[in-house]
């Protein structure tokens, strides 16, 4: 399977990799709601959640994987009052897959994002 071009991946905000592999796992760096090639984070909490997951899916696809490889997601929200909106968008994007998940409230996120999502995936799911 050929890899999608690097231009399909979200732009990094700093000196880190979009993912790193080890011991049969792929650790995906946190993603905010930036479209590939864009620097802006825009949209509702639902739209940001969907874009965060689309960005994670792009990194997975670049590694020859898909959403079913996800084992664990960590969701960071600036306002826990947005939990229901995030949860609905998360459910829609990942259905029927259900990786383990933690959701926490944080003081702030890069680029004034309302949501950031990071994940761990398996390299060995059939």
C-alpha atoms as a PDB file:
ATOM      1  CA  UNK A   1       0.000   0.000   0.000  1.00  0.00           C
ATOM      2  CA  UNK A   2       1.437   3.378  -0.933  1.00  0.00           C
ATOM      3  CA  UNK A   3       1.554   6.182   1.593  1.00  0.00           C
ATOM      4  CA  UNK A   4      -0.474   9.365   1.105  1.00  0.00           C
ATOM      5  CA  UNK A   5       1.700  12.412   0.387  1.00  0.00           C
ATOM      6  CA  UNK A   6       3.140  14.371   3.309  1.00  0.00           C
ATOM      7  CA  UNK A   7       1.034  17.341   2.193  1.00  0.00           C
ATOM      8  CA  UNK A   8      -2.049  15.422   3.373  1.00  0.00           C
ATOM      9  CA  UNK A   9      -0.755  15.573   6.933  1.00  0.00           C
ATOM     10  CA  UNK A  10      -1.529  18.445   9.307  1.00  0.00           C
ATOM     11  CA  UNK A  11       1.257  20.988   9.780  1.00  0.00           C
ATOM     12  CA  UNK A  12       3.228  20.555  12.986  1.00  0.00           C
ATOM     13  CA  UNK A  13       3.340  23.367  15.526  1.00  0.00           C
ATOM     14  CA  UNK A  14       6.817  22.573  16.815  1.00  0.00           C
ATOM     15  CA  UNK A  15       9.849  20.296  16.787  1.00  0.00           C
ATOM     16  CA  UNK A  16       8.123  16.914  17.069  1.00  0.00           C
ATOM     17  CA  UNK A  17       6.904  14.078  14.850  1.00  0.00           C
ATOM     18  CA  UNK A  18       3.255  13.417  14.010  1.00  0.00           C
ATOM     19  CA  UNK A  19       3.797   9.885  15.321  1.00  0.00           C
ATOM     20  CA  UNK A  20       6.409   7.509  16.669  1.00  0.00           C
ATOM     21  CA  UNK A  21       6.368   3.709  16.731  1.00  0.00           C
ATOM     22  CA  UNK A  22       7.703   1.260  19.294  1.00  0.00           C
ATOM     23  CA  UNK A  23       6.846  -2.136  20.797  1.00  0.00           C
ATOM     24  CA  UNK A  24       4.023  -2.724  18.320  1.00  0.00           C
ATOM     25  CA  UNK A  25       2.375   0.606  19.097  1.00  0.00           C
ATOM     26  CA  UNK A  26       2.043   3.885  17.229  1.00  0.00           C
ATOM     27  CA  UNK A  27       1.925   6.990  19.413  1.00  0.00           C
ATOM     28  CA  UNK A  28       0.128   9.838  17.636  1.00  0.00           C
ATOM     29  CA  UNK A  29       0.901  13.414  18.673  1.00  0.00           C
ATOM     30  CA  UNK A  30      -1.981  15.618  19.738  1.00  0.00           C
ATOM     31  CA  UNK A  31      -3.952  17.211  16.931  1.00  0.00           C
ATOM     32  CA  UNK A  32      -5.889  20.448  16.973  1.00  0.00           C
ATOM     33  CA  UNK A  33      -8.454  21.386  14.326  1.00  0.00           C
ATOM     34  CA  UNK A  34      -6.190  22.584  11.536  1.00  0.00           C
ATOM     35  CA  UNK A  35      -6.811  21.459   7.997  1.00  0.00           C
ATOM     36  CA  UNK A  36      -3.710  20.274   6.117  1.00  0.00           C
ATOM     37  CA  UNK A  37      -1.849  23.314   4.799  1.00  0.00           C
ATOM     38  CA  UNK A  38      -3.718  25.688   7.113  1.00  0.00           C
ATOM     39  CA  UNK A  39      -2.561  27.494  10.220  1.00  0.00           C
ATOM     40  CA  UNK A  40      -6.001  28.494  11.511  1.00  0.00           C
ATOM     41  CA  UNK A  41      -8.166  26.673  14.039  1.00  0.00           C
ATOM     42  CA  UNK A  42     -11.805  27.519  13.364  1.00  0.00           C
ATOM     43  CA  UNK A  43     -15.244  26.059  13.938  1.00  0.00           C
ATOM     44  CA  UNK A  44     -17.541  24.849  16.656  1.00  0.00           C
ATOM     45  CA  UNK A  45     -16.447  22.261  19.204  1.00  0.00           C
ATOM     46  CA  UNK A  46     -18.106  19.586  17.051  1.00  0.00           C
ATOM     47  CA  UNK A  47     -16.306  20.785  13.917  1.00  0.00           C
ATOM     48  CA  UNK A  48     -12.999  20.981  15.790  1.00  0.00           C
ATOM     49  CA  UNK A  49     -13.468  17.464  17.175  1.00  0.00           C
ATOM     50  CA  UNK A  50     -14.180  16.108  13.697  1.00  0.00           C
ATOM     51  CA  UNK A  51     -11.115  17.865  12.249  1.00  0.00           C
ATOM     52  CA  UNK A  52      -8.882  16.631  15.091  1.00  0.00           C
ATOM     53  CA  UNK A  53      -9.957  13.072  14.322  1.00  0.00           C
ATOM     54  CA  UNK A  54      -9.589  13.602  10.564  1.00  0.00           C
ATOM     55  CA  UNK A  55      -6.020  14.741  11.255  1.00  0.00           C
ATOM     56  CA  UNK A  56      -5.344  11.640  13.341  1.00  0.00           C
ATOM     57  CA  UNK A  57      -6.872   9.485  10.585  1.00  0.00           C
ATOM     58  CA  UNK A  58      -4.528  11.138   8.061  1.00  0.00           C
ATOM     59  CA  UNK A  59      -1.501  10.261  10.201  1.00  0.00           C
ATOM     60  CA  UNK A  60      -2.807   6.699  10.568  1.00  0.00           C
ATOM     61  CA  UNK A  61      -3.362   6.433   6.792  1.00  0.00           C
ATOM     62  CA  UNK A  62       0.165   7.700   6.178  1.00  0.00           C
ATOM     63  CA  UNK A  63       1.377   4.758   8.247  1.00  0.00           C
ATOM     64  CA  UNK A  64      -0.895   2.299   6.416  1.00  0.00           C
ATOM     65  CA  UNK A  65      -3.373   2.091   9.304  1.00  0.00           C
ATOM     66  CA  UNK A  66      -6.966   3.114   9.936  1.00  0.00           C
ATOM     67  CA  UNK A  67      -9.323   4.034  12.784  1.00  0.00           C
ATOM     68  CA  UNK A  68      -9.780   0.375  13.769  1.00  0.00           C
ATOM     69  CA  UNK A  69      -6.122   0.393  14.861  1.00  0.00           C
ATOM     70  CA  UNK A  70      -6.846   2.973  17.578  1.00  0.00           C
ATOM     71  CA  UNK A  71      -6.523   1.610  21.087  1.00  0.00           C
ATOM     72  CA  UNK A  72      -6.696   4.759  23.234  1.00  0.00           C
ATOM     73  CA  UNK A  73      -7.569   8.422  22.715  1.00  0.00           C
ATOM     74  CA  UNK A  74      -6.956  11.300  25.094  1.00  0.00           C
ATOM     75  CA  UNK A  75      -9.234  14.296  24.553  1.00  0.00           C
ATOM     76  CA  UNK A  76      -8.332  17.692  25.982  1.00  0.00           C
ATOM     77  CA  UNK A  77     -11.117  20.270  26.310  1.00  0.00           C
ATOM     78  CA  UNK A  78     -10.732  23.894  27.346  1.00  0.00           C
ATOM     79  CA  UNK A  79     -14.283  23.831  28.741  1.00  0.00           C
ATOM     80  CA  UNK A  80     -15.857  20.649  30.125  1.00  0.00           C
ATOM     81  CA  UNK A  81     -19.263  22.178  29.326  1.00  0.00           C
ATOM     82  CA  UNK A  82     -18.400  21.243  25.710  1.00  0.00           C
ATOM     83  CA  UNK A  83     -18.227  17.534  26.599  1.00  0.00           C
ATOM     84  CA  UNK A  84     -21.614  16.593  25.117  1.00  0.00           C
ATOM     85  CA  UNK A  85     -20.948  18.374  21.801  1.00  0.00           C
ATOM     86  CA  UNK A  86     -17.478  16.824  21.559  1.00  0.00           C
ATOM     87  CA  UNK A  87     -18.819  13.397  22.509  1.00  0.00           C
ATOM     88  CA  UNK A  88     -21.496  13.437  19.797  1.00  0.00           C
ATOM     89  CA  UNK A  89     -18.977  14.419  17.092  1.00  0.00           C
ATOM     90  CA  UNK A  90     -16.459  11.853  18.415  1.00  0.00           C
ATOM     91  CA  UNK A  91     -19.111   9.112  18.305  1.00  0.00           C
ATOM     92  CA  UNK A  92     -20.097  10.021  14.735  1.00  0.00           C
ATOM     93  CA  UNK A  93     -16.479  10.055  13.507  1.00  0.00           C
ATOM     94  CA  UNK A  94     -15.450   6.776  15.133  1.00  0.00           C
ATOM     95  CA  UNK A  95     -18.640   4.710  14.968  1.00  0.00           C
ATOM     96  CA  UNK A  96     -18.665   1.731  15.329  1.00  0.00           C
ATOM     97  CA  UNK A  97     -15.109   1.610  16.688  1.00  0.00           C
ATOM     98  CA  UNK A  98     -14.738   2.291  20.430  1.00  0.00           C
ATOM     99  CA  UNK A  99     -11.149   2.815  21.577  1.00  0.00           C
ATOM    100  CA  UNK A 100     -10.549   3.459  25.264  1.00  0.00           C
ATOM    101  CA  UNK A 101     -10.706   7.185  26.041  1.00  0.00           C
ATOM    102  CA  UNK A 102      -9.901   9.784  28.657  1.00  0.00           C
ATOM    103  CA  UNK A 103     -11.285  13.319  28.538  1.00  0.00           C
ATOM    104  CA  UNK A 104      -9.863  16.095  30.694  1.00  0.00           C
ATOM    105  CA  UNK A 105     -10.260  19.844  30.971  1.00  0.00           C
ATOM    106  CA  UNK A 106      -7.148  21.970  30.445  1.00  0.00           C
ATOM    107  CA  UNK A 107      -6.456  25.671  30.966  1.00  0.00           C
ATOM    108  CA  UNK A 108      -5.542  26.363  27.329  1.00  0.00           C
ATOM    109  CA  UNK A 109      -4.562  24.697  24.056  1.00  0.00           C
ATOM    110  CA  UNK A 110      -2.316  25.793  21.175  1.00  0.00           C
ATOM    111  CA  UNK A 111      -3.768  28.368  18.815  1.00  0.00           C
ATOM    112  CA  UNK A 112      -6.782  28.927  21.078  1.00  0.00           C
ATOM    113  CA  UNK A 113      -8.226  25.562  20.081  1.00  0.00           C
ATOM    114  CA  UNK A 114     -11.177  24.258  22.086  1.00  0.00           C
ATOM    115  CA  UNK A 115     -10.206  20.594  21.544  1.00  0.00           C
ATOM    116  CA  UNK A 116      -7.022  18.565  21.123  1.00  0.00           C
ATOM    117  CA  UNK A 117      -6.897  14.795  20.666  1.00  0.00           C
ATOM    118  CA  UNK A 118      -3.925  12.429  20.884  1.00  0.00           C
ATOM    119  CA  UNK A 119      -3.989   8.666  20.433  1.00  0.00           C
ATOM    120  CA  UNK A 120      -2.219   5.344  20.663  1.00  0.00           C
ATOM    121  CA  UNK A 121      -2.730   2.771  17.908  1.00  0.00           C
ATOM    122  CA  UNK A 122      -1.711  -0.819  17.404  1.00  0.00           C
ATOM    123  CA  UNK A 123       0.533  -1.713  14.510  1.00  0.00           C
ATOM    124  CA  UNK A 124      -0.705  -5.314  14.653  1.00  0.00           C
ATOM    125  CA  UNK A 125      -4.525  -5.255  14.368  1.00  0.00           C
ATOM    126  CA  UNK A 126      -5.986  -7.577  11.717  1.00  0.00           C
END
